[in-house]
């Protein structure tokens, strides 16, 4: 090695260049993205629940008990 050590400042500068400004466009859109993500999650869970109920009704056996 020629003595070129990687310093903390070098790492921070490279990370900021890669990720960008923490208060930039991603930070501004984060609440909207979170709301959309939650809404999509709720729709997916509801669809899976309803599909499972329907499959359960089709496969369930009806047992009729009569007293003699």
N, C-alpha and C. Protein backbone atom coordinates (compact mmCIF):
# COMPACT_ATOMS: atom_id res chain seq x y z
N UNK A 1 0.85 -1.18 0.00
CA UNK A 1 0.00 0.00 0.00
C UNK A 1 0.89 1.23 0.00
N UNK A 2 0.40 2.24 -0.62
CA UNK A 2 1.18 3.47 -0.72
C UNK A 2 0.84 4.46 0.37
N UNK A 3 0.01 4.07 1.33
CA UNK A 3 -0.32 4.96 2.43
C UNK A 3 -1.58 5.78 2.19
N UNK A 4 -2.35 5.44 1.17
CA UNK A 4 -3.61 6.15 0.92
C UNK A 4 -4.71 5.54 1.76
N UNK A 5 -4.87 6.05 2.94
CA UNK A 5 -5.87 5.53 3.87
C UNK A 5 -7.23 6.12 3.54
N UNK A 6 -8.26 5.34 3.75
CA UNK A 6 -9.63 5.82 3.56
C UNK A 6 -10.09 6.41 4.87
N UNK A 7 -10.45 7.68 4.84
CA UNK A 7 -10.86 8.37 6.06
C UNK A 7 -12.38 8.38 6.16
N UNK A 8 -12.82 8.80 7.31
CA UNK A 8 -14.26 8.91 7.53
C UNK A 8 -14.88 9.94 6.59
N UNK A 9 -14.15 11.03 6.36
CA UNK A 9 -14.65 12.07 5.46
C UNK A 9 -14.79 11.55 4.04
N UNK A 10 -13.85 10.69 3.61
CA UNK A 10 -13.95 10.10 2.28
C UNK A 10 -15.22 9.25 2.16
N UNK A 11 -15.49 8.45 3.18
CA UNK A 11 -16.68 7.60 3.16
C UNK A 11 -17.96 8.43 3.16
N UNK A 12 -17.99 9.47 4.00
CA UNK A 12 -19.17 10.33 4.06
C UNK A 12 -19.41 11.04 2.74
N UNK A 13 -18.34 11.53 2.11
CA UNK A 13 -18.49 12.23 0.84
C UNK A 13 -19.00 11.29 -0.25
N UNK A 14 -18.48 10.07 -0.27
CA UNK A 14 -18.93 9.11 -1.29
C UNK A 14 -20.37 8.69 -1.05
N UNK A 15 -20.74 8.51 0.21
CA UNK A 15 -22.12 8.13 0.52
C UNK A 15 -23.09 9.24 0.17
N UNK A 16 -22.74 10.47 0.47
CA UNK A 16 -23.61 11.59 0.10
C UNK A 16 -23.72 11.73 -1.41
N UNK A 17 -22.67 11.45 -2.13
CA UNK A 17 -22.72 11.52 -3.59
C UNK A 17 -23.59 10.41 -4.15
N UNK A 18 -23.58 9.25 -3.51
CA UNK A 18 -24.37 8.12 -3.99
C UNK A 18 -25.84 8.27 -3.62
N UNK A 19 -26.12 8.53 -2.35
CA UNK A 19 -27.49 8.59 -1.85
C UNK A 19 -28.15 9.92 -2.19
N UNK A 20 -27.43 10.98 -2.09
CA UNK A 20 -27.99 12.29 -2.35
C UNK A 20 -28.28 13.02 -1.05
N UNK A 21 -28.92 14.15 -1.18
CA UNK A 21 -29.24 14.99 -0.03
C UNK A 21 -30.34 14.33 0.81
N UNK A 22 -30.16 14.21 2.13
CA UNK A 22 -31.19 13.58 2.95
C UNK A 22 -32.52 14.34 2.98
N UNK A 23 -32.50 15.62 2.64
CA UNK A 23 -33.73 16.41 2.63
C UNK A 23 -34.19 16.68 1.19
N UNK A 24 -33.85 15.79 0.28
CA UNK A 24 -34.15 16.00 -1.14
C UNK A 24 -35.52 15.47 -1.53
N UNK A 25 -35.61 15.04 -2.77
CA UNK A 25 -36.89 14.62 -3.34
C UNK A 25 -37.46 13.38 -2.66
N UNK A 26 -36.59 12.45 -2.26
CA UNK A 26 -37.08 11.23 -1.61
C UNK A 26 -37.70 11.55 -0.26
N UNK A 27 -37.08 12.43 0.49
CA UNK A 27 -37.62 12.80 1.80
C UNK A 27 -38.96 13.52 1.65
N UNK A 28 -39.11 14.30 0.60
CA UNK A 28 -40.37 15.02 0.39
C UNK A 28 -41.49 14.06 0.00
N UNK A 29 -41.16 13.00 -0.72
CA UNK A 29 -42.17 12.06 -1.19
C UNK A 29 -42.42 10.93 -0.21
N UNK A 30 -41.64 10.83 0.85
CA UNK A 30 -41.74 9.70 1.78
C UNK A 30 -43.12 9.54 2.40
N UNK A 31 -43.79 10.58 2.90
CA UNK A 31 -45.13 10.38 3.47
C UNK A 31 -46.14 9.85 2.45
N UNK A 32 -46.07 10.35 1.22
CA UNK A 32 -46.98 9.88 0.18
C UNK A 32 -46.69 8.42 -0.16
N UNK A 33 -45.42 8.07 -0.26
CA UNK A 33 -45.05 6.68 -0.55
C UNK A 33 -45.48 5.75 0.58
N UNK A 34 -45.36 6.20 1.82
CA UNK A 34 -45.78 5.38 2.95
C UNK A 34 -47.29 5.15 2.91
N UNK A 35 -48.05 6.18 2.59
CA UNK A 35 -49.51 6.04 2.52
C UNK A 35 -49.91 5.08 1.40
N UNK A 36 -49.26 5.18 0.26
CA UNK A 36 -49.56 4.28 -0.85
C UNK A 36 -49.19 2.85 -0.48
N UNK A 37 -48.05 2.67 0.17
CA UNK A 37 -47.64 1.33 0.59
C UNK A 37 -48.61 0.70 1.57
N UNK A 38 -49.08 1.48 2.52
CA UNK A 38 -50.04 0.97 3.50
C UNK A 38 -51.36 0.62 2.80
N UNK A 39 -51.81 1.46 1.89
CA UNK A 39 -53.06 1.20 1.17
C UNK A 39 -52.95 -0.08 0.34
N UNK A 40 -51.84 -0.26 -0.33
CA UNK A 40 -51.64 -1.48 -1.13
C UNK A 40 -51.62 -2.70 -0.22
N UNK A 41 -50.97 -2.59 0.93
CA UNK A 41 -50.93 -3.70 1.89
C UNK A 41 -52.32 -4.08 2.38
N UNK A 42 -53.14 -3.10 2.68
CA UNK A 42 -54.50 -3.37 3.16
C UNK A 42 -55.32 -4.05 2.06
N UNK A 43 -55.18 -3.59 0.83
CA UNK A 43 -55.92 -4.20 -0.28
C UNK A 43 -55.48 -5.65 -0.49
N UNK A 44 -54.18 -5.90 -0.41
CA UNK A 44 -53.68 -7.27 -0.60
C UNK A 44 -54.17 -8.18 0.52
N UNK A 45 -54.12 -7.72 1.76
CA UNK A 45 -54.59 -8.54 2.88
C UNK A 45 -56.09 -8.82 2.75
N UNK A 46 -56.87 -7.82 2.36
CA UNK A 46 -58.32 -8.02 2.20
C UNK A 46 -58.60 -9.02 1.07
N UNK A 47 -57.87 -8.92 -0.03
CA UNK A 47 -58.08 -9.85 -1.14
C UNK A 47 -57.74 -11.28 -0.74
N UNK A 48 -56.65 -11.45 -0.02
CA UNK A 48 -56.27 -12.79 0.42
C UNK A 48 -57.30 -13.35 1.40
N UNK A 49 -57.79 -12.51 2.29
CA UNK A 49 -58.81 -12.94 3.25
C UNK A 49 -60.08 -13.40 2.52
N UNK A 50 -60.55 -12.59 1.59
CA UNK A 50 -61.77 -12.93 0.87
C UNK A 50 -61.59 -14.18 0.01
N UNK A 51 -60.43 -14.33 -0.62
CA UNK A 51 -60.17 -15.53 -1.42
C UNK A 51 -60.13 -16.76 -0.52
N UNK A 52 -59.57 -16.64 0.66
CA UNK A 52 -59.53 -17.77 1.59
C UNK A 52 -60.90 -18.14 2.11
N UNK A 53 -61.74 -17.16 2.36
CA UNK A 53 -63.11 -17.45 2.79
C UNK A 53 -63.87 -18.20 1.71
N UNK A 54 -63.71 -17.77 0.49
CA UNK A 54 -64.42 -18.41 -0.62
C UNK A 54 -63.94 -19.84 -0.80
N UNK A 55 -62.65 -20.06 -0.73
CA UNK A 55 -62.11 -21.42 -0.88
C UNK A 55 -62.56 -22.29 0.29
N UNK A 56 -62.66 -21.74 1.47
CA UNK A 56 -63.12 -22.50 2.63
C UNK A 56 -64.57 -22.91 2.51
N UNK A 57 -65.38 -22.04 1.94
CA UNK A 57 -66.79 -22.38 1.76
C UNK A 57 -66.96 -23.49 0.72
N UNK A 58 -66.17 -23.45 -0.32
CA UNK A 58 -66.30 -24.47 -1.38
C UNK A 58 -65.86 -25.84 -0.88
N UNK A 59 -64.85 -25.89 -0.02
CA UNK A 59 -64.30 -27.18 0.41
C UNK A 59 -64.95 -27.72 1.67
N UNK A 60 -65.73 -26.91 2.36
CA UNK A 60 -66.27 -27.38 3.63
C UNK A 60 -67.41 -28.37 3.40
N UNK A 61 -67.48 -29.32 4.27
CA UNK A 61 -68.50 -30.35 4.20
C UNK A 61 -69.66 -29.97 5.10
N UNK A 62 -70.86 -30.15 4.60
CA UNK A 62 -72.05 -29.88 5.39
C UNK A 62 -72.51 -31.19 5.98
N UNK A 63 -72.60 -31.26 7.29
CA UNK A 63 -73.03 -32.45 7.98
C UNK A 63 -74.41 -32.19 8.56
N UNK A 64 -75.35 -33.05 8.23
CA UNK A 64 -76.70 -32.89 8.74
C UNK A 64 -76.95 -33.96 9.79
N UNK A 65 -77.36 -33.53 10.96
CA UNK A 65 -77.62 -34.46 12.05
C UNK A 65 -79.11 -34.50 12.29
N UNK A 66 -79.69 -35.70 12.28
CA UNK A 66 -81.12 -35.87 12.52
C UNK A 66 -81.33 -36.78 13.72
N UNK A 67 -82.30 -36.44 14.49
CA UNK A 67 -82.66 -37.28 15.62
C UNK A 67 -83.72 -38.25 15.17
N UNK A 68 -83.61 -39.46 15.59
CA UNK A 68 -84.57 -40.49 15.22
C UNK A 68 -85.52 -40.76 16.38
